[in-house]
Amino acid sequence: MKTSHLLLFLLVGIYSLVLIVIELQTSQHYLRQFVTDIQGEVFFYGINTTLSVFLLWATALLFGVCLLCIDKVKQPQAYWFYISQIILFIYLGWDERFLIHETVGKWLGRNDAYLLLGLGFIEIGLLAWLGDLRNKPKMARYFLYAAAIFFAIMFVIDATFPSQLVLRLSLEELTKLWADICLILFAWENIRYQLSVISYQ
């Protein structure tokens, strides 16, 4: 059994034990807060957030598959690029699900949109340093640029538009969703490229 399998089973085992202890020490009612179904007053309650989290974590997974297609020793730049993308998109999924940047923004007394902008600049740095975009497939670059445009629009809306402005919320959330879709397509094109390289070897 691989170390990664053991680590996964260990983490899930710890998680399972924690839930059991919580119910034993408190009550089923208290535990239900952690294991409850996502439901609300309307059908498809929270669907946009669910889609965004799924897309972000799926993007991380696709980059993980890319990681399996390369030689760490022969392609160290690609290796660290994919590692960085896995970490970044896992974090972004957590951020989307658990409102991390909103919480930090409130704690700092700052507009939380600028924290996301900071992550955007980190991604730009990673792409410039490790991404080797010139050698990426054309479609991959197109999807990446489209994601950047949608992200920029989302940031402008989030940072500058009045909170109660008509269509502000839907436009902000939809541009974020479109950015997520373009990012997963960017990851998908990377997989296709890596698989094509393997097929020619």
N, C-alpha and C. Protein backbone atom coordinates (compact mmCIF):
# COMPACT_ATOMS: atom_id res chain seq x y z
N MET A 1 0.84 -1.20 0.00
CA MET A 1 0.00 0.00 0.00
C MET A 1 0.88 1.25 0.00
N LYS A 2 0.52 2.21 -0.83
CA LYS A 2 1.32 3.42 -0.95
C LYS A 2 1.16 4.32 0.27
N THR A 3 2.17 5.16 0.47
CA THR A 3 2.13 6.11 1.58
C THR A 3 0.93 7.04 1.47
N SER A 4 0.61 7.44 0.23
CA SER A 4 -0.53 8.34 0.03
C SER A 4 -1.84 7.67 0.47
N HIS A 5 -1.95 6.36 0.22
CA HIS A 5 -3.15 5.63 0.66
C HIS A 5 -3.22 5.60 2.18
N LEU A 6 -2.08 5.31 2.80
CA LEU A 6 -2.04 5.26 4.25
C LEU A 6 -2.40 6.61 4.87
N LEU A 7 -1.88 7.68 4.26
CA LEU A 7 -2.18 9.02 4.76
C LEU A 7 -3.67 9.33 4.62
N LEU A 8 -4.25 8.95 3.48
CA LEU A 8 -5.68 9.17 3.27
C LEU A 8 -6.50 8.43 4.32
N PHE A 9 -6.19 7.15 4.52
CA PHE A 9 -6.94 6.35 5.49
C PHE A 9 -6.75 6.89 6.91
N LEU A 10 -5.55 7.38 7.20
CA LEU A 10 -5.29 7.95 8.52
C LEU A 10 -6.14 9.20 8.75
N LEU A 11 -6.19 10.08 7.75
CA LEU A 11 -6.97 11.31 7.88
C LEU A 11 -8.46 11.02 8.01
N VAL A 12 -8.95 10.09 7.18
CA VAL A 12 -10.38 9.74 7.26
C VAL A 12 -10.68 9.05 8.58
N GLY A 13 -9.73 8.24 9.05
CA GLY A 13 -9.91 7.58 10.35
C GLY A 13 -9.99 8.58 11.49
N ILE A 14 -9.10 9.58 11.46
CA ILE A 14 -9.13 10.63 12.49
C ILE A 14 -10.44 11.40 12.42
N TYR A 15 -10.85 11.74 11.20
CA TYR A 15 -12.11 12.46 11.00
C TYR A 15 -13.29 11.65 11.55
N SER A 16 -13.30 10.36 11.25
CA SER A 16 -14.38 9.49 11.74
C SER A 16 -14.40 9.43 13.25
N LEU A 17 -13.21 9.30 13.84
CA LEU A 17 -13.11 9.24 15.30
C LEU A 17 -13.59 10.53 15.94
N VAL A 18 -13.25 11.67 15.34
CA VAL A 18 -13.67 12.96 15.87
C VAL A 18 -15.20 13.06 15.88
N LEU A 19 -15.84 12.65 14.78
CA LEU A 19 -17.30 12.70 14.73
C LEU A 19 -17.93 11.81 15.79
N ILE A 20 -17.38 10.62 15.97
CA ILE A 20 -17.90 9.70 16.99
C ILE A 20 -17.77 10.30 18.38
N VAL A 21 -16.60 10.88 18.65
CA VAL A 21 -16.37 11.49 19.97
C VAL A 21 -17.31 12.67 20.19
N ILE A 22 -17.52 13.46 19.15
CA ILE A 22 -18.43 14.61 19.28
C ILE A 22 -19.83 14.14 19.69
N GLU A 23 -20.33 13.09 19.02
CA GLU A 23 -21.67 12.61 19.36
C GLU A 23 -21.71 12.02 20.76
N LEU A 24 -20.65 11.29 21.14
CA LEU A 24 -20.61 10.70 22.48
C LEU A 24 -20.55 11.76 23.57
N GLN A 25 -19.81 12.84 23.29
CA GLN A 25 -19.61 13.87 24.30
C GLN A 25 -20.72 14.92 24.32
N THR A 26 -21.48 15.01 23.23
CA THR A 26 -22.54 16.03 23.17
C THR A 26 -23.89 15.35 22.93
N SER A 27 -24.34 15.40 21.70
CA SER A 27 -25.63 14.79 21.36
C SER A 27 -25.73 14.63 19.86
N GLN A 28 -26.72 13.86 19.43
CA GLN A 28 -26.96 13.70 18.00
C GLN A 28 -27.36 15.03 17.38
N HIS A 29 -28.12 15.81 18.13
CA HIS A 29 -28.56 17.12 17.64
C HIS A 29 -27.36 18.02 17.35
N TYR A 30 -26.37 18.00 18.23
CA TYR A 30 -25.17 18.83 18.03
C TYR A 30 -24.36 18.32 16.85
N LEU A 31 -24.21 17.00 16.76
CA LEU A 31 -23.44 16.41 15.66
C LEU A 31 -24.07 16.72 14.31
N ARG A 32 -25.39 16.81 14.27
CA ARG A 32 -26.08 17.02 13.00
C ARG A 32 -25.64 18.31 12.32
N GLN A 33 -25.11 19.26 13.08
CA GLN A 33 -24.61 20.49 12.48
C GLN A 33 -23.45 20.24 11.51
N PHE A 34 -22.72 19.15 11.74
CA PHE A 34 -21.55 18.84 10.92
C PHE A 34 -21.87 17.88 9.78
N VAL A 35 -22.94 17.12 9.91
CA VAL A 35 -23.24 16.08 8.92
C VAL A 35 -24.57 16.32 8.21
N THR A 36 -25.18 17.46 8.46
CA THR A 36 -26.50 17.71 7.90
C THR A 36 -26.46 17.86 6.38
N ASP A 37 -27.58 17.56 5.75
CA ASP A 37 -27.72 17.82 4.32
C ASP A 37 -27.84 19.32 4.09
N ILE A 38 -27.39 19.76 2.91
CA ILE A 38 -27.52 21.17 2.56
C ILE A 38 -28.94 21.39 2.04
N GLN A 39 -29.73 22.07 2.83
CA GLN A 39 -31.11 22.32 2.43
C GLN A 39 -31.56 23.67 2.94
N GLY A 40 -32.49 24.26 2.22
CA GLY A 40 -33.00 25.57 2.60
C GLY A 40 -34.45 25.71 2.21
N GLU A 41 -34.89 26.94 2.14
CA GLU A 41 -36.29 27.20 1.87
C GLU A 41 -36.64 27.05 0.40
N VAL A 42 -35.63 27.00 -0.47
CA VAL A 42 -35.89 26.88 -1.90
C VAL A 42 -35.17 25.66 -2.45
N PHE A 43 -35.68 25.16 -3.57
CA PHE A 43 -35.01 24.06 -4.27
C PHE A 43 -33.69 24.59 -4.84
N PHE A 44 -32.66 23.75 -4.86
CA PHE A 44 -31.31 24.15 -5.29
C PHE A 44 -30.68 25.17 -4.35
N TYR A 45 -31.04 25.11 -3.09
CA TYR A 45 -30.45 26.01 -2.09
C TYR A 45 -28.93 25.87 -2.09
N GLY A 46 -28.22 26.99 -2.22
CA GLY A 46 -26.76 26.98 -2.19
C GLY A 46 -26.11 26.35 -3.40
N ILE A 47 -26.84 26.23 -4.51
CA ILE A 47 -26.32 25.50 -5.66
C ILE A 47 -25.09 26.16 -6.26
N ASN A 48 -25.05 27.49 -6.29
CA ASN A 48 -23.92 28.16 -6.93
C ASN A 48 -22.62 27.93 -6.15
N THR A 49 -22.72 28.00 -4.83
CA THR A 49 -21.54 27.72 -4.01
C THR A 49 -21.11 26.27 -4.16
N THR A 50 -22.09 25.37 -4.21
CA THR A 50 -21.78 23.95 -4.39
C THR A 50 -21.06 23.72 -5.71
N LEU A 51 -21.55 24.35 -6.77
CA LEU A 51 -20.90 24.22 -8.08
C LEU A 51 -19.48 24.78 -8.05
N SER A 52 -19.32 25.93 -7.43
CA SER A 52 -18.00 26.57 -7.38
C SER A 52 -17.00 25.71 -6.62
N VAL A 53 -17.42 25.18 -5.48
CA VAL A 53 -16.53 24.32 -4.69
C VAL A 53 -16.16 23.07 -5.48
N PHE A 54 -17.17 22.47 -6.11
CA PHE A 54 -16.91 21.28 -6.92
C PHE A 54 -15.90 21.58 -8.03
N LEU A 55 -16.10 22.68 -8.74
CA LEU A 55 -15.22 23.02 -9.86
C LEU A 55 -13.79 23.30 -9.38
N LEU A 56 -13.66 23.99 -8.26
CA LEU A 56 -12.33 24.32 -7.75
C LEU A 56 -11.59 23.06 -7.31
N TRP A 57 -12.27 22.19 -6.58
CA TRP A 57 -11.61 20.96 -6.13
C TRP A 57 -11.39 19.99 -7.28
N ALA A 58 -12.29 19.99 -8.25
CA ALA A 58 -12.08 19.16 -9.44
C ALA A 58 -10.88 19.66 -10.24
N THR A 59 -10.69 20.97 -10.27
CA THR A 59 -9.52 21.53 -10.93
C THR A 59 -8.24 21.06 -10.25
N ALA A 60 -8.24 21.07 -8.92
CA ALA A 60 -7.09 20.56 -8.18
C ALA A 60 -6.84 19.09 -8.51
N LEU A 61 -7.92 18.32 -8.61
CA LEU A 61 -7.79 16.90 -8.93
C LEU A 61 -7.20 16.70 -10.33
N LEU A 62 -7.65 17.50 -11.28
CA LEU A 62 -7.12 17.38 -12.64
C LEU A 62 -5.62 17.71 -12.69
N PHE A 63 -5.23 18.72 -11.93
CA PHE A 63 -3.80 19.02 -11.86
C PHE A 63 -3.04 17.88 -11.17
N GLY A 64 -3.71 17.20 -10.25
CA GLY A 64 -3.10 16.03 -9.64
C GLY A 64 -2.85 14.93 -10.65
N VAL A 65 -3.79 14.76 -11.57
CA VAL A 65 -3.60 13.77 -12.64
C VAL A 65 -2.43 14.19 -13.54
N CYS A 66 -2.35 15.49 -13.82
CA CYS A 66 -1.20 15.99 -14.60
C CYS A 66 0.11 15.63 -13.93
N LEU A 67 0.11 15.71 -12.61
CA LEU A 67 1.32 15.41 -11.85
C LEU A 67 1.77 13.97 -12.07
N LEU A 68 0.81 13.08 -12.26
CA LEU A 68 1.14 11.67 -12.47
C LEU A 68 1.70 11.41 -13.87
N CYS A 69 1.55 12.38 -14.76
CA CYS A 69 1.95 12.19 -16.15
C CYS A 69 3.37 12.68 -16.44
N ILE A 70 4.03 13.24 -15.45
CA ILE A 70 5.35 13.82 -15.71
C ILE A 70 6.41 13.15 -14.84
N ASP A 71 7.64 13.36 -15.24
CA ASP A 71 8.80 12.85 -14.49
C ASP A 71 9.32 13.98 -13.60
N LYS A 72 9.25 13.78 -12.30
CA LYS A 72 9.66 14.82 -11.35
C LYS A 72 11.11 15.24 -11.56
N VAL A 73 11.96 14.29 -11.87
CA VAL A 73 13.39 14.58 -12.02
C VAL A 73 13.66 15.32 -13.33
N LYS A 74 13.04 14.85 -14.41
CA LYS A 74 13.30 15.45 -15.72
C LYS A 74 12.51 16.74 -15.95
N GLN A 75 11.40 16.90 -15.24
CA GLN A 75 10.54 18.07 -15.45
C GLN A 75 10.22 18.75 -14.11
N PRO A 76 11.25 19.24 -13.42
CA PRO A 76 11.01 19.83 -12.09
C PRO A 76 10.12 21.07 -12.13
N GLN A 77 10.23 21.86 -13.19
CA GLN A 77 9.41 23.07 -13.28
C GLN A 77 7.93 22.71 -13.39
N ALA A 78 7.62 21.77 -14.27
CA ALA A 78 6.23 21.32 -14.41
C ALA A 78 5.73 20.69 -13.12
N TYR A 79 6.60 19.92 -12.48
CA TYR A 79 6.22 19.26 -11.22
C TYR A 79 5.80 20.29 -10.18
N TRP A 80 6.62 21.30 -9.98
CA TRP A 80 6.30 22.29 -8.95
C TRP A 80 5.13 23.18 -9.37
N PHE A 81 4.96 23.38 -10.67
CA PHE A 81 3.79 24.13 -11.13
C PHE A 81 2.51 23.38 -10.76
N TYR A 82 2.48 22.09 -11.06
CA TYR A 82 1.27 21.33 -10.76
C TYR A 82 1.05 21.22 -9.25
N ILE A 83 2.12 21.07 -8.49
CA ILE A 83 1.99 21.06 -7.03
C ILE A 83 1.37 22.37 -6.55
N SER A 84 1.87 23.48 -7.08
CA SER A 84 1.36 24.79 -6.65
C SER A 84 -0.12 24.94 -7.00
N GLN A 85 -0.51 24.43 -8.16
CA GLN A 85 -1.91 24.55 -8.57
C GLN A 85 -2.82 23.67 -7.72
N ILE A 86 -2.35 22.50 -7.37
CA ILE A 86 -3.13 21.62 -6.49
C ILE A 86 -3.38 22.30 -5.16
N ILE A 87 -2.33 22.85 -4.57
CA ILE A 87 -2.45 23.52 -3.27
C ILE A 87 -3.38 24.72 -3.38
N LEU A 88 -3.18 25.53 -4.42
CA LEU A 88 -3.97 26.75 -4.58
C LEU A 88 -5.46 26.44 -4.75
N PHE A 89 -5.78 25.48 -5.59
CA PHE A 89 -7.20 25.22 -5.86
C PHE A 89 -7.87 24.44 -4.74
N ILE A 90 -7.12 23.64 -4.01
CA ILE A 90 -7.69 23.04 -2.80
C ILE A 90 -8.04 24.15 -1.81
N TYR A 91 -7.11 25.09 -1.65
CA TYR A 91 -7.38 26.21 -0.75
C TYR A 91 -8.59 27.03 -1.21
N LEU A 92 -8.65 27.33 -2.50
CA LEU A 92 -9.76 28.14 -3.01
C LEU A 92 -11.10 27.45 -2.77
N GLY A 93 -11.13 26.13 -2.91
CA GLY A 93 -12.35 25.40 -2.61
C GLY A 93 -12.73 25.53 -1.14
N TRP A 94 -11.74 25.41 -0.27
CA TRP A 94 -11.99 25.59 1.16
C TRP A 94 -12.46 27.02 1.44
N ASP A 95 -11.83 27.97 0.80
CA ASP A 95 -12.20 29.37 0.99
C ASP A 95 -13.64 29.61 0.57
N GLU A 96 -14.01 29.06 -0.57
CA GLU A 96 -15.37 29.23 -1.07
C GLU A 96 -16.40 28.58 -0.13
N ARG A 97 -16.05 27.42 0.37
CA ARG A 97 -17.00 26.68 1.22
C ARG A 97 -17.10 27.26 2.62
N PHE A 98 -15.98 27.71 3.17
CA PHE A 98 -15.96 28.12 4.58
C PHE A 98 -15.74 29.62 4.78
N LEU A 99 -15.86 30.40 3.70
CA LEU A 99 -15.84 31.87 3.79
C LEU A 99 -14.57 32.39 4.47
N ILE A 100 -13.44 31.82 4.11
CA ILE A 100 -12.20 32.17 4.80
C ILE A 100 -11.82 33.63 4.55
N HIS A 101 -11.83 34.05 3.29
CA HIS A 101 -11.38 35.43 3.03
C HIS A 101 -12.38 36.45 3.56
N GLU A 102 -13.68 36.09 3.59
CA GLU A 102 -14.65 37.00 4.20
C GLU A 102 -14.39 37.16 5.69
N THR A 103 -14.08 36.04 6.35
CA THR A 103 -13.81 36.08 7.79
C THR A 103 -12.55 36.88 8.09
N VAL A 104 -11.50 36.64 7.30
CA VAL A 104 -10.24 37.37 7.50
C VAL A 104 -10.45 38.86 7.21
N GLY A 105 -11.23 39.16 6.17
CA GLY A 105 -11.50 40.56 5.84
C GLY A 105 -12.19 41.29 6.98
N LYS A 106 -13.17 40.63 7.59
CA LYS A 106 -13.86 41.24 8.74
C LYS A 106 -12.90 41.42 9.91
N TRP A 107 -12.05 40.43 10.11
CA TRP A 107 -11.10 40.49 11.22
C TRP A 107 -10.10 41.63 11.03
N LEU A 108 -9.69 41.84 9.77
CA LEU A 108 -8.73 42.91 9.47
C LEU A 108 -9.40 44.26 9.27
N GLY A 109 -10.73 44.24 9.13
CA GLY A 109 -11.44 45.48 8.87
C GLY A 109 -11.21 46.00 7.46
N ARG A 110 -11.03 45.08 6.52
CA ARG A 110 -10.75 45.45 5.13
C ARG A 110 -11.75 44.77 4.20
N ASN A 111 -11.88 45.32 3.01
CA ASN A 111 -12.73 44.71 1.99
C ASN A 111 -12.12 43.36 1.61
N ASP A 112 -12.89 42.29 1.79
CA ASP A 112 -12.35 40.95 1.55
C ASP A 112 -12.02 40.70 0.09
N ALA A 113 -12.55 41.51 -0.82
CA ALA A 113 -12.25 41.32 -2.24
C ALA A 113 -10.76 41.48 -2.52
N TYR A 114 -10.09 42.32 -1.74
CA TYR A 114 -8.67 42.55 -1.97
C TYR A 114 -7.82 41.35 -1.55
N LEU A 115 -8.34 40.54 -0.65
CA LEU A 115 -7.64 39.30 -0.30
C LEU A 115 -7.66 38.33 -1.47
N LEU A 116 -8.81 38.26 -2.15
CA LEU A 116 -8.88 37.43 -3.35
C LEU A 116 -7.97 37.97 -4.45
N LEU A 117 -7.90 39.29 -4.54
CA LEU A 117 -7.00 39.89 -5.52
C LEU A 117 -5.56 39.48 -5.24
N GLY A 118 -5.21 39.42 -3.96
CA GLY A 118 -3.87 38.97 -3.59
C GLY A 118 -3.60 37.55 -4.06
N LEU A 119 -4.59 36.68 -3.92
CA LEU A 119 -4.44 35.31 -4.42
C LEU A 119 -4.31 35.30 -5.94
N GLY A 120 -5.02 36.22 -6.58
CA GLY A 120 -4.90 36.33 -8.03
C GLY A 120 -3.48 36.70 -8.44
N PHE A 121 -2.86 37.61 -7.71
CA PHE A 121 -1.48 37.99 -8.01
C PHE A 121 -0.51 36.84 -7.73
N ILE A 122 -0.80 36.07 -6.69
CA ILE A 122 0.02 34.88 -6.42
C ILE A 122 -0.05 33.91 -7.60
N GLU A 123 -1.26 33.72 -8.12
CA GLU A 123 -1.43 32.82 -9.27
C GLU A 123 -0.70 33.36 -10.49
N ILE A 124 -0.77 34.65 -10.71
CA ILE A 124 -0.03 35.25 -11.83
C ILE A 124 1.47 34.99 -11.68
N GLY A 125 1.97 35.15 -10.46
CA GLY A 125 3.38 34.89 -10.20
C GLY A 125 3.76 33.44 -10.47
N LEU A 126 2.90 32.51 -10.03
CA LEU A 126 3.17 31.09 -10.26
C LEU A 126 3.14 30.75 -11.75
N LEU A 127 2.19 31.35 -12.45
CA LEU A 127 2.10 31.10 -13.90
C LEU A 127 3.32 31.65 -14.62
N ALA A 128 3.77 32.84 -14.20
CA ALA A 128 4.93 33.45 -14.85
C ALA A 128 6.21 32.71 -14.52
N TRP A 129 6.31 32.23 -13.29
CA TRP A 129 7.54 31.60 -12.81
C TRP A 129 7.64 30.13 -13.24
N LEU A 130 6.53 29.42 -13.09
CA LEU A 130 6.56 27.97 -13.31
C LEU A 130 5.67 27.48 -14.44
N GLY A 131 4.75 28.33 -14.89
CA GLY A 131 3.70 27.85 -15.79
C GLY A 131 4.12 27.49 -17.20
N ASP A 132 5.22 28.08 -17.68
CA ASP A 132 5.69 27.80 -19.04
C ASP A 132 4.54 27.93 -20.05
N LEU A 133 3.85 29.07 -19.98
CA LEU A 133 2.64 29.24 -20.79
C LEU A 133 2.90 29.20 -22.28
N ARG A 134 4.08 29.61 -22.71
CA ARG A 134 4.37 29.62 -24.14
C ARG A 134 4.30 28.22 -24.75
N ASN A 135 4.56 27.22 -23.93
CA ASN A 135 4.53 25.85 -24.43
C ASN A 135 3.23 25.12 -24.09
N LYS A 136 2.29 25.84 -23.49
CA LYS A 136 0.99 25.25 -23.21
C LYS A 136 0.14 25.26 -24.48
N PRO A 137 -0.81 24.34 -24.60
CA PRO A 137 -1.70 24.35 -25.78
C PRO A 137 -2.44 25.67 -25.89
N LYS A 138 -2.75 26.04 -27.12
CA LYS A 138 -3.42 27.31 -27.37
C LYS A 138 -4.75 27.40 -26.62
N MET A 139 -5.52 26.31 -26.63
CA MET A 139 -6.82 26.33 -25.95
C MET A 139 -6.64 26.51 -24.45
N ALA A 140 -5.60 25.93 -23.89
CA ALA A 140 -5.33 26.09 -22.46
C ALA A 140 -5.10 27.56 -22.14
N ARG A 141 -4.32 28.22 -22.97
CA ARG A 141 -4.06 29.64 -22.75
C ARG A 141 -5.34 30.47 -22.89
N TYR A 142 -6.16 30.14 -23.87
CA TYR A 142 -7.41 30.87 -24.07
C TYR A 142 -8.31 30.75 -22.84
N PHE A 143 -8.43 29.54 -22.33
CA PHE A 143 -9.27 29.34 -21.14
C PHE A 143 -8.70 30.08 -19.93
N LEU A 144 -7.38 30.08 -19.81
CA LEU A 144 -6.75 30.80 -18.71
C LEU A 144 -7.01 32.30 -18.81
N TYR A 145 -6.85 32.85 -20.00
CA TYR A 145 -7.09 34.29 -20.18
C TYR A 145 -8.55 34.63 -19.94
N ALA A 146 -9.45 33.76 -20.38
CA ALA A 146 -10.88 34.00 -20.13
C ALA A 146 -11.17 33.98 -18.64
N ALA A 147 -10.54 33.04 -17.92
CA ALA A 147 -10.73 32.98 -16.47
C ALA A 147 -10.24 34.27 -15.81
N ALA A 148 -9.12 34.78 -16.30
CA ALA A 148 -8.58 36.02 -15.73
C ALA A 148 -9.53 37.19 -15.96
N ILE A 149 -10.15 37.23 -17.13
CA ILE A 149 -11.10 38.31 -17.42
C ILE A 149 -12.32 38.21 -16.51
N PHE A 150 -12.86 37.01 -16.37
CA PHE A 150 -14.02 36.84 -15.48
C PHE A 150 -13.66 37.17 -14.04
N PHE A 151 -12.46 36.76 -13.62
CA PHE A 151 -12.02 37.06 -12.25
C PHE A 151 -11.91 38.57 -12.05
N ALA A 152 -11.36 39.26 -13.04
CA ALA A 152 -11.21 40.71 -12.93
C ALA A 152 -12.57 41.40 -12.83
N ILE A 153 -13.53 40.94 -13.63
CA ILE A 153 -14.88 41.51 -13.56
C ILE A 153 -15.49 41.26 -12.19
N MET A 154 -15.33 40.03 -11.70
CA MET A 154 -15.86 39.69 -10.38
C MET A 154 -15.25 40.59 -9.31
N PHE A 155 -13.94 40.81 -9.40
CA PHE A 155 -13.28 41.64 -8.40
C PHE A 155 -13.81 43.07 -8.43
N VAL A 156 -13.95 43.63 -9.61
CA VAL A 156 -14.45 45.01 -9.73
C VAL A 156 -15.85 45.12 -9.13
N ILE A 157 -16.69 44.14 -9.44
CA ILE A 157 -18.06 44.16 -8.90
C ILE A 157 -18.03 44.05 -7.38
N ASP A 158 -17.24 43.11 -6.88
CA ASP A 158 -17.19 42.86 -5.43
C ASP A 158 -16.60 44.04 -4.68
N ALA A 159 -15.59 44.66 -5.26
CA ALA A 159 -14.85 45.70 -4.54
C ALA A 159 -15.48 47.08 -4.65
N THR A 160 -16.21 47.34 -5.74
CA THR A 160 -16.63 48.72 -5.99
C THR A 160 -18.14 48.93 -6.09
N PHE A 161 -18.90 47.91 -6.44
CA PHE A 161 -20.33 48.11 -6.64
C PHE A 161 -21.06 48.18 -5.29
N PRO A 162 -22.06 49.04 -5.16
CA PRO A 162 -22.87 49.09 -3.93
C PRO A 162 -23.50 47.72 -3.65
N SER A 163 -23.52 47.33 -2.39
CA SER A 163 -23.95 45.98 -2.04
C SER A 163 -25.39 45.69 -2.41
N GLN A 164 -26.24 46.71 -2.44
CA GLN A 164 -27.66 46.49 -2.73
C GLN A 164 -28.03 46.83 -4.18
N LEU A 165 -27.03 47.07 -5.01
CA LEU A 165 -27.29 47.41 -6.41
C LEU A 165 -27.97 46.23 -7.12
N VAL A 166 -28.98 46.53 -7.92
CA VAL A 166 -29.69 45.49 -8.65
C VAL A 166 -28.72 44.75 -9.58
N LEU A 167 -28.77 43.44 -9.56
CA LEU A 167 -27.95 42.52 -10.35
C LEU A 167 -26.51 42.38 -9.85
N ARG A 168 -26.14 43.13 -8.81
CA ARG A 168 -24.76 43.02 -8.31
C ARG A 168 -24.44 41.59 -7.88
N LEU A 169 -25.31 41.00 -7.07
CA LEU A 169 -25.04 39.68 -6.51
C LEU A 169 -24.99 38.62 -7.60
N SER A 170 -25.97 38.63 -8.49
CA SER A 170 -25.99 37.60 -9.54
C SER A 170 -24.79 37.74 -10.47
N LEU A 171 -24.43 38.98 -10.82
CA LEU A 171 -23.28 39.18 -11.72
C LEU A 171 -21.98 38.77 -11.04
N GLU A 172 -21.84 39.09 -9.77
CA GLU A 172 -20.62 38.70 -9.05
C GLU A 172 -20.49 37.18 -8.98
N GLU A 173 -21.58 36.52 -8.61
CA GLU A 173 -21.53 35.06 -8.46
C GLU A 173 -21.38 34.35 -9.80
N LEU A 174 -22.02 34.88 -10.83
CA LEU A 174 -21.94 34.23 -12.14
C LEU A 174 -20.58 34.43 -12.79
N THR A 175 -19.98 35.59 -12.62
CA THR A 175 -18.63 35.77 -13.17
C THR A 175 -17.63 34.87 -12.45
N LYS A 176 -17.85 34.67 -11.15
CA LYS A 176 -17.00 33.73 -10.41
C LYS A 176 -17.19 32.31 -10.95
N LEU A 177 -18.44 31.94 -11.20
CA LEU A 177 -18.71 30.59 -11.72
C LEU A 177 -18.07 30.40 -13.10
N TRP A 178 -18.19 31.40 -13.95
CA TRP A 178 -17.58 31.30 -15.28
C TRP A 178 -16.06 31.23 -15.19
N ALA A 179 -15.49 31.97 -14.25
CA ALA A 179 -14.04 31.88 -14.04
C ALA A 179 -13.65 30.46 -13.63
N ASP A 180 -14.44 29.88 -12.72
CA ASP A 180 -14.17 28.51 -12.27
C ASP A 180 -14.27 27.51 -13.43
N ILE A 181 -15.26 27.71 -14.28
CA ILE A 181 -15.42 26.81 -15.44
C ILE A 181 -14.22 26.93 -16.37
N CYS A 182 -13.78 28.14 -16.62
CA CYS A 182 -12.62 28.33 -17.49
C CYS A 182 -11.35 27.74 -16.88
N LEU A 183 -11.24 27.81 -15.57
CA LEU A 183 -10.06 27.25 -14.90
C LEU A 183 -10.04 25.73 -14.97
N ILE A 184 -11.20 25.11 -14.81
CA ILE A 184 -11.20 23.64 -14.91
C ILE A 184 -10.92 23.21 -16.35
N LEU A 185 -11.35 24.01 -17.31
CA LEU A 185 -11.04 23.71 -18.70
C LEU A 185 -9.55 23.93 -18.98
N PHE A 186 -8.95 24.90 -18.32
CA PHE A 186 -7.50 25.10 -18.41
C PHE A 186 -6.77 23.86 -17.90
N ALA A 187 -7.22 23.34 -16.76
CA ALA A 187 -6.61 22.13 -16.21
C ALA A 187 -6.84 20.94 -17.14
N TRP A 188 -8.03 20.85 -17.71
CA TRP A 188 -8.34 19.75 -18.62
C TRP A 188 -7.44 19.78 -19.85
N GLU A 189 -7.21 20.95 -20.40
CA GLU A 189 -6.33 21.06 -21.56
C GLU A 189 -4.90 20.68 -21.20
N ASN A 190 -4.50 20.95 -19.96
CA ASN A 190 -3.18 20.52 -19.51
C ASN A 190 -3.08 19.00 -19.46
N ILE A 191 -4.15 18.35 -19.00
CA ILE A 191 -4.16 16.88 -18.98
C ILE A 191 -4.06 16.33 -20.40
N ARG A 192 -4.85 16.88 -21.29
CA ARG A 192 -4.82 16.41 -22.68
C ARG A 192 -3.42 16.56 -23.27
N TYR A 193 -2.78 17.67 -22.94
CA TYR A 193 -1.42 17.90 -23.44
C TYR A 193 -0.45 16.87 -22.87
N GLN A 194 -0.53 16.64 -21.57
CA GLN A 194 0.39 15.69 -20.94
C GLN A 194 0.17 14.27 -21.47
N LEU A 195 -1.08 13.90 -21.69
CA LEU A 195 -1.37 12.57 -22.22
C LEU A 195 -0.88 12.43 -23.66
N SER A 196 -0.97 13.52 -24.42
CA SER A 196 -0.48 13.46 -25.80
C SER A 196 1.04 13.30 -25.83
N VAL A 197 1.71 13.94 -24.87
CA VAL A 197 3.17 13.79 -24.78
C VAL A 197 3.52 12.35 -24.46
N ILE A 198 2.78 11.74 -23.54
CA ILE A 198 3.04 10.35 -23.17
C ILE A 198 2.81 9.43 -24.37
N SER A 199 1.77 9.69 -25.13
CA SER A 199 1.43 8.82 -26.26
C SER A 199 2.49 8.85 -27.35
N TYR A 200 3.24 9.95 -27.42
CA TYR A 200 4.28 10.06 -28.45
C TYR A 200 5.62 9.49 -27.99
N GLN A 201 5.71 9.16 -26.72
CA GLN A 201 6.97 8.64 -26.20
C GLN A 201 7.12 7.15 -26.49
